PDB file of N, CA and C in Angstrom:
ATOM      1  N   UNK A   1       0.843  -1.184   0.000  1.00  0.00           N
ATOM      2  CA  UNK A   1       0.000   0.000   0.000  1.00  0.00           C
ATOM      3  C   UNK A   1       0.881   1.239   0.000  1.00  0.00           C
ATOM      4  N   UNK A   2       0.757   2.059  -1.016  1.00  0.00           N
ATOM      5  CA  UNK A   2       1.514   3.303  -1.189  1.00  0.00           C
ATOM      6  C   UNK A   2       3.031   3.088  -1.176  1.00  0.00           C
ATOM      7  N   UNK A   3       3.470   2.010  -1.843  1.00  0.00           N
ATOM      8  CA  UNK A   3       4.902   1.762  -1.962  1.00  0.00           C
ATOM      9  C   UNK A   3       5.432   2.217  -3.323  1.00  0.00           C
ATOM     10  N   UNK A   4       4.525   2.564  -4.226  1.00  0.00           N
ATOM     11  CA  UNK A   4       4.899   3.042  -5.557  1.00  0.00           C
ATOM     12  C   UNK A   4       4.221   4.376  -5.822  1.00  0.00           C
ATOM     13  N   UNK A   5       4.857   5.165  -6.690  1.00  0.00           N
ATOM     14  CA  UNK A   5       4.283   6.457  -7.046  1.00  0.00           C
ATOM     15  C   UNK A   5       3.088   6.264  -7.974  1.00  0.00           C
ATOM     16  N   UNK A   6       2.102   7.120  -7.844  1.00  0.00           N
ATOM     17  CA  UNK A   6       0.922   7.127  -8.709  1.00  0.00           C
ATOM     18  C   UNK A   6       1.356   7.665 -10.077  1.00  0.00           C
ATOM     19  N   UNK A   7       1.130   6.881 -11.131  1.00  0.00           N
ATOM     20  CA  UNK A   7       1.532   7.318 -12.473  1.00  0.00           C
ATOM     21  C   UNK A   7       0.789   8.565 -12.917  1.00  0.00           C
ATOM     22  N   UNK A   8      -0.504   8.633 -12.631  1.00  0.00           N
ATOM     23  CA  UNK A   8      -1.274   9.817 -13.020  1.00  0.00           C
ATOM     24  C   UNK A   8      -0.737  11.061 -12.330  1.00  0.00           C
ATOM     25  N   UNK A   9      -0.470  10.950 -11.045  1.00  0.00           N
ATOM     26  CA  UNK A   9       0.029  12.092 -10.279  1.00  0.00           C
ATOM     27  C   UNK A   9       1.410  12.512 -10.779  1.00  0.00           C
ATOM     28  N   UNK A  10       2.263  11.522 -11.057  1.00  0.00           N
ATOM     29  CA  UNK A  10       3.624  11.824 -11.517  1.00  0.00           C
ATOM     30  C   UNK A  10       3.627  12.444 -12.915  1.00  0.00           C
ATOM     31  N   UNK A  11       2.768  11.946 -13.806  1.00  0.00           N
ATOM     32  CA  UNK A  11       2.770  12.427 -15.192  1.00  0.00           C
ATOM     33  C   UNK A  11       1.936  13.684 -15.415  1.00  0.00           C
ATOM     34  N   UNK A  12       0.799  13.784 -14.711  1.00  0.00           N
ATOM     35  CA  UNK A  12      -0.112  14.898 -14.970  1.00  0.00           C
ATOM     36  C   UNK A  12      -0.244  15.877 -13.803  1.00  0.00           C
ATOM     37  N   UNK A  13       0.280  15.498 -12.627  1.00  0.00           N
ATOM     38  CA  UNK A  13       0.207  16.397 -11.482  1.00  0.00           C
ATOM     39  C   UNK A  13      -1.082  16.303 -10.697  1.00  0.00           C
ATOM     40  N   UNK A  14      -1.971  15.378 -11.086  1.00  0.00           N
ATOM     41  CA  UNK A  14      -3.220  15.194 -10.341  1.00  0.00           C
ATOM     42  C   UNK A  14      -3.694  13.752 -10.500  1.00  0.00           C
ATOM     43  N   UNK A  15      -4.598  13.357  -9.604  1.00  0.00           N
ATOM     44  CA  UNK A  15      -5.154  12.010  -9.633  1.00  0.00           C
ATOM     45  C   UNK A  15      -6.618  12.089  -9.231  1.00  0.00           C
ATOM     46  N   UNK A  16      -7.476  11.459  -9.989  1.00  0.00           N
ATOM     47  CA  UNK A  16      -8.911  11.550  -9.710  1.00  0.00           C
ATOM     48  C   UNK A  16      -9.327  10.818  -8.445  1.00  0.00           C
ATOM     49  N   UNK A  17      -8.481   9.931  -7.919  1.00  0.00           N
ATOM     50  CA  UNK A  17      -8.823   9.177  -6.714  1.00  0.00           C
ATOM     51  C   UNK A  17      -8.473   9.919  -5.422  1.00  0.00           C
ATOM     52  N   UNK A  18      -7.640  10.936  -5.522  1.00  0.00           N
ATOM     53  CA  UNK A  18      -7.293  11.735  -4.345  1.00  0.00           C
ATOM     54  C   UNK A  18      -6.743  10.900  -3.206  1.00  0.00           C
ATOM     55  N   UNK A  19      -7.255  11.108  -1.986  1.00  0.00           N
ATOM     56  CA  UNK A  19      -6.762  10.383  -0.815  1.00  0.00           C
ATOM     57  C   UNK A  19      -7.108   8.892  -0.844  1.00  0.00           C
ATOM     58  N   UNK A  20      -8.061   8.499  -1.679  1.00  0.00           N
ATOM     59  CA  UNK A  20      -8.439   7.097  -1.785  1.00  0.00           C
ATOM     60  C   UNK A  20      -7.490   6.304  -2.694  1.00  0.00           C
ATOM     61  N   UNK A  21      -6.591   6.979  -3.382  1.00  0.00           N
ATOM     62  CA  UNK A  21      -5.654   6.331  -4.290  1.00  0.00           C
ATOM     63  C   UNK A  21      -4.750   5.383  -3.510  1.00  0.00           C
ATOM     64  N   UNK A  22      -4.479   4.221  -4.081  1.00  0.00           N
ATOM     65  CA  UNK A  22      -3.638   3.222  -3.434  1.00  0.00           C
ATOM     66  C   UNK A  22      -2.150   3.468  -3.670  1.00  0.00           C
ATOM     67  N   UNK A  23      -1.825   4.481  -4.473  1.00  0.00           N
ATOM     68  CA  UNK A  23      -0.441   4.801  -4.787  1.00  0.00           C
ATOM     69  C   UNK A  23      -0.051   6.137  -4.158  1.00  0.00           C
ATOM     70  N   UNK A  24       1.246   6.336  -3.981  1.00  0.00           N
ATOM     71  CA  UNK A  24       1.754   7.528  -3.307  1.00  0.00           C
ATOM     72  C   UNK A  24       1.714   8.748  -4.215  1.00  0.00           C
ATOM     73  N   UNK A  25       1.355   9.885  -3.627  1.00  0.00           N
ATOM     74  CA  UNK A  25       1.386  11.181  -4.308  1.00  0.00           C
ATOM     75  C   UNK A  25       2.515  11.979  -3.686  1.00  0.00           C
ATOM     76  N   UNK A  26       3.742  11.640  -4.041  1.00  0.00           N
ATOM     77  CA  UNK A  26       4.925  12.311  -3.518  1.00  0.00           C
ATOM     78  C   UNK A  26       5.713  11.408  -2.578  1.00  0.00           C
ATOM     79  N   UNK A  27       6.959  11.805  -2.333  1.00  0.00           N
ATOM     80  CA  UNK A  27       7.852  11.003  -1.491  1.00  0.00           C
ATOM     81  C   UNK A  27       7.390  10.915  -0.037  1.00  0.00           C
ATOM     82  N   UNK A  28       6.682  11.915   0.437  1.00  0.00           N
ATOM     83  CA  UNK A  28       6.221  11.895   1.835  1.00  0.00           C
ATOM     84  C   UNK A  28       5.219  10.776   2.083  1.00  0.00           C
ATOM     85  N   UNK A  29       4.434  10.411   1.085  1.00  0.00           N
ATOM     86  CA  UNK A  29       3.431   9.350   1.227  1.00  0.00           C
ATOM     87  C   UNK A  29       4.000   7.959   0.961  1.00  0.00           C
ATOM     88  N   UNK A  30       5.099   7.887   0.214  1.00  0.00           N
ATOM     89  CA  UNK A  30       5.625   6.583  -0.191  1.00  0.00           C
ATOM     90  C   UNK A  30       6.257   5.851   0.977  1.00  0.00           C
ATOM     91  N   UNK A  31       5.880   4.587   1.133  1.00  0.00           N
ATOM     92  CA  UNK A  31       6.415   3.742   2.199  1.00  0.00           C
ATOM     93  C   UNK A  31       7.543   2.875   1.650  1.00  0.00           C
ATOM     94  N   UNK A  32       8.454   2.481   2.523  1.00  0.00           N
ATOM     95  CA  UNK A  32       9.536   1.589   2.112  1.00  0.00           C
ATOM     96  C   UNK A  32       9.034   0.146   2.145  1.00  0.00           C
ATOM     97  N   UNK A  33       9.656  -0.688   1.343  1.00  0.00           N
ATOM     98  CA  UNK A  33       9.264  -2.083   1.230  1.00  0.00           C
ATOM     99  C   UNK A  33      10.338  -2.956   1.861  1.00  0.00           C
ATOM    100  N   UNK A  34       9.925  -3.893   2.695  1.00  0.00           N
ATOM    101  CA  UNK A  34      10.864  -4.858   3.263  1.00  0.00           C
ATOM    102  C   UNK A  34      11.158  -5.905   2.186  1.00  0.00           C
ATOM    103  N   UNK A  35      12.413  -6.061   1.822  1.00  0.00           N
ATOM    104  CA  UNK A  35      12.805  -7.006   0.780  1.00  0.00           C
ATOM    105  C   UNK A  35      13.487  -8.224   1.394  1.00  0.00           C
ATOM    106  N   UNK A  36      13.323  -9.355   0.735  1.00  0.00           N
ATOM    107  CA  UNK A  36      13.996 -10.588   1.142  1.00  0.00           C
ATOM    108  C   UNK A  36      15.498 -10.421   0.933  1.00  0.00           C
ATOM    109  N   UNK A  37      16.302 -11.112   1.712  1.00  0.00           N
ATOM    110  CA  UNK A  37      17.766 -11.001   1.622  1.00  0.00           C
ATOM    111  C   UNK A  37      18.286 -11.392   0.233  1.00  0.00           C
ATOM    112  N   UNK A  38      17.558 -12.240  -0.492  1.00  0.00           N
ATOM    113  CA  UNK A  38      17.998 -12.681  -1.817  1.00  0.00           C
ATOM    114  C   UNK A  38      17.349 -11.887  -2.951  1.00  0.00           C
ATOM    115  N   UNK A  39      16.731 -10.753  -2.639  1.00  0.00           N
ATOM    116  CA  UNK A  39      16.069  -9.914  -3.644  1.00  0.00           C
ATOM    117  C   UNK A  39      17.058  -9.481  -4.712  1.00  0.00           C
ATOM    118  N   UNK A  40      16.723  -9.732  -5.968  1.00  0.00           N
ATOM    119  CA  UNK A  40      17.523  -9.371  -7.142  1.00  0.00           C
ATOM    120  C   UNK A  40      18.943  -9.929  -7.076  1.00  0.00           C
ATOM    121  N   UNK A  41      19.070 -11.173  -6.644  1.00  0.00           N
ATOM    122  CA  UNK A  41      20.380 -11.816  -6.617  1.00  0.00           C
ATOM    123  C   UNK A  41      20.512 -12.880  -7.703  1.00  0.00           C
ATOM    124  N   UNK A  42      19.418 -13.195  -8.401  1.00  0.00           N
ATOM    125  CA  UNK A  42      19.438 -14.171  -9.486  1.00  0.00           C
ATOM    126  C   UNK A  42      18.929 -13.533 -10.770  1.00  0.00           C
ATOM    127  N   UNK A  43      19.397 -14.055 -11.899  1.00  0.00           N
ATOM    128  CA  UNK A  43      19.023 -13.545 -13.212  1.00  0.00           C
ATOM    129  C   UNK A  43      17.576 -13.941 -13.551  1.00  0.00           C
ATOM    130  N   UNK A  44      16.842 -13.030 -14.169  1.00  0.00           N
ATOM    131  CA  UNK A  44      15.483 -13.307 -14.647  1.00  0.00           C
ATOM    132  C   UNK A  44      15.604 -14.122 -15.939  1.00  0.00           C
ATOM    133  N   UNK A  45      15.206 -15.373 -15.894  1.00  0.00           N
ATOM    134  CA  UNK A  45      15.316 -16.248 -17.065  1.00  0.00           C
ATOM    135  C   UNK A  45      14.475 -15.744 -18.231  1.00  0.00           C
ATOM    136  N   UNK A  46      13.263 -15.309 -17.937  1.00  0.00           N
ATOM    137  CA  UNK A  46      12.366 -14.833 -18.990  1.00  0.00           C
ATOM    138  C   UNK A  46      12.956 -13.634 -19.716  1.00  0.00           C
ATOM    139  N   UNK A  47      13.481 -12.676 -18.966  1.00  0.00           N
ATOM    140  CA  UNK A  47      14.048 -11.472 -19.574  1.00  0.00           C
ATOM    141  C   UNK A  47      15.245 -11.815 -20.456  1.00  0.00           C
ATOM    142  N   UNK A  48      16.096 -12.707 -19.977  1.00  0.00           N
ATOM    143  CA  UNK A  48      17.297 -13.033 -20.742  1.00  0.00           C
ATOM    144  C   UNK A  48      17.020 -13.964 -21.920  1.00  0.00           C
ATOM    145  N   UNK A  49      15.916 -14.703 -21.871  1.00  0.00           N
ATOM    146  CA  UNK A  49      15.563 -15.571 -23.005  1.00  0.00           C
ATOM    147  C   UNK A  49      14.764 -14.827 -24.064  1.00  0.00           C
ATOM    148  N   UNK A  50      13.877 -13.932 -23.647  1.00  0.00           N
ATOM    149  CA  UNK A  50      12.986 -13.262 -24.595  1.00  0.00           C
ATOM    150  C   UNK A  50      13.254 -11.771 -24.767  1.00  0.00           C
ATOM    151  N   UNK A  51      14.012 -11.186 -23.853  1.00  0.00           N
ATOM    152  CA  UNK A  51      14.285  -9.751 -23.933  1.00  0.00           C
ATOM    153  C   UNK A  51      13.225  -8.891 -23.276  1.00  0.00           C
ATOM    154  N   UNK A  52      12.236  -9.530 -22.668  1.00  0.00           N
ATOM    155  CA  UNK A  52      11.173  -8.798 -21.990  1.00  0.00           C
ATOM    156  C   UNK A  52      10.684  -9.596 -20.781  1.00  0.00           C
ATOM    157  N   UNK A  53      10.059  -8.900 -19.844  1.00  0.00           N
ATOM    158  CA  UNK A  53       9.522  -9.540 -18.649  1.00  0.00           C
ATOM    159  C   UNK A  53       8.200  -8.859 -18.303  1.00  0.00           C
ATOM    160  N   UNK A  54       7.168  -9.639 -18.091  1.00  0.00           N
ATOM    161  CA  UNK A  54       5.855  -9.079 -17.785  1.00  0.00           C
ATOM    162  C   UNK A  54       5.836  -8.295 -16.480  1.00  0.00           C
ATOM    163  N   UNK A  55       6.748  -8.604 -15.559  1.00  0.00           N
ATOM    164  CA  UNK A  55       6.758  -7.935 -14.254  1.00  0.00           C
ATOM    165  C   UNK A  55       7.488  -6.590 -14.279  1.00  0.00           C
ATOM    166  N   UNK A  56       8.290  -6.340 -15.292  1.00  0.00           N
ATOM    167  CA  UNK A  56       8.991  -5.055 -15.407  1.00  0.00           C
ATOM    168  C   UNK A  56       9.790  -4.708 -14.165  1.00  0.00           C
ATOM    169  N   UNK A  57       9.614  -3.494 -13.657  1.00  0.00           N
ATOM    170  CA  UNK A  57      10.373  -3.053 -12.492  1.00  0.00           C
ATOM    171  C   UNK A  57       9.965  -3.793 -11.226  1.00  0.00           C
ATOM    172  N   UNK A  58       8.815  -4.455 -11.233  1.00  0.00           N
ATOM    173  CA  UNK A  58       8.358  -5.211 -10.071  1.00  0.00           C
ATOM    174  C   UNK A  58       8.987  -6.606  -9.982  1.00  0.00           C
ATOM    175  N   UNK A  59       9.687  -7.013 -11.026  1.00  0.00           N
ATOM    176  CA  UNK A  59      10.312  -8.340 -11.042  1.00  0.00           C
ATOM    177  C   UNK A  59      11.326  -8.447  -9.907  1.00  0.00           C
ATOM    178  N   UNK A  60      11.363  -9.594  -9.252  1.00  0.00           N
ATOM    179  CA  UNK A  60      12.280  -9.782  -8.124  1.00  0.00           C
ATOM    180  C   UNK A  60      13.623 -10.356  -8.561  1.00  0.00           C
ATOM    181  N   UNK A  61      13.817 -10.481  -9.878  1.00  0.00           N
ATOM    182  CA  UNK A  61      15.073 -10.997 -10.420  1.00  0.00           C
ATOM    183  C   UNK A  61      15.823  -9.899 -11.173  1.00  0.00           C
ATOM    184  N   UNK A  62      17.074 -10.149 -11.469  1.00  0.00           N
ATOM    185  CA  UNK A  62      17.931  -9.168 -12.155  1.00  0.00           C
ATOM    186  C   UNK A  62      17.634  -9.153 -13.643  1.00  0.00           C
ATOM    187  N   UNK A  63      17.456  -7.964 -14.205  1.00  0.00           N
ATOM    188  CA  UNK A  63      17.323  -7.827 -15.662  1.00  0.00           C
ATOM    189  C   UNK A  63      18.644  -7.373 -16.161  1.00  0.00           C
TER     190      UNK A  63
END
């Protein structure tokens, strides 16, 4: 909850959901995420085989 920036807010400066939005509107609202000790320590097989990954920046593997 509120661990990522709201794309609408970042790109357009406003969001129609306001305080009900599940994404952060600025660094003050953004929460840190607890990551596993092995986070991004292994290569993403899908990315290296196909050149793309459906998870994008959310992928827990190295691109």
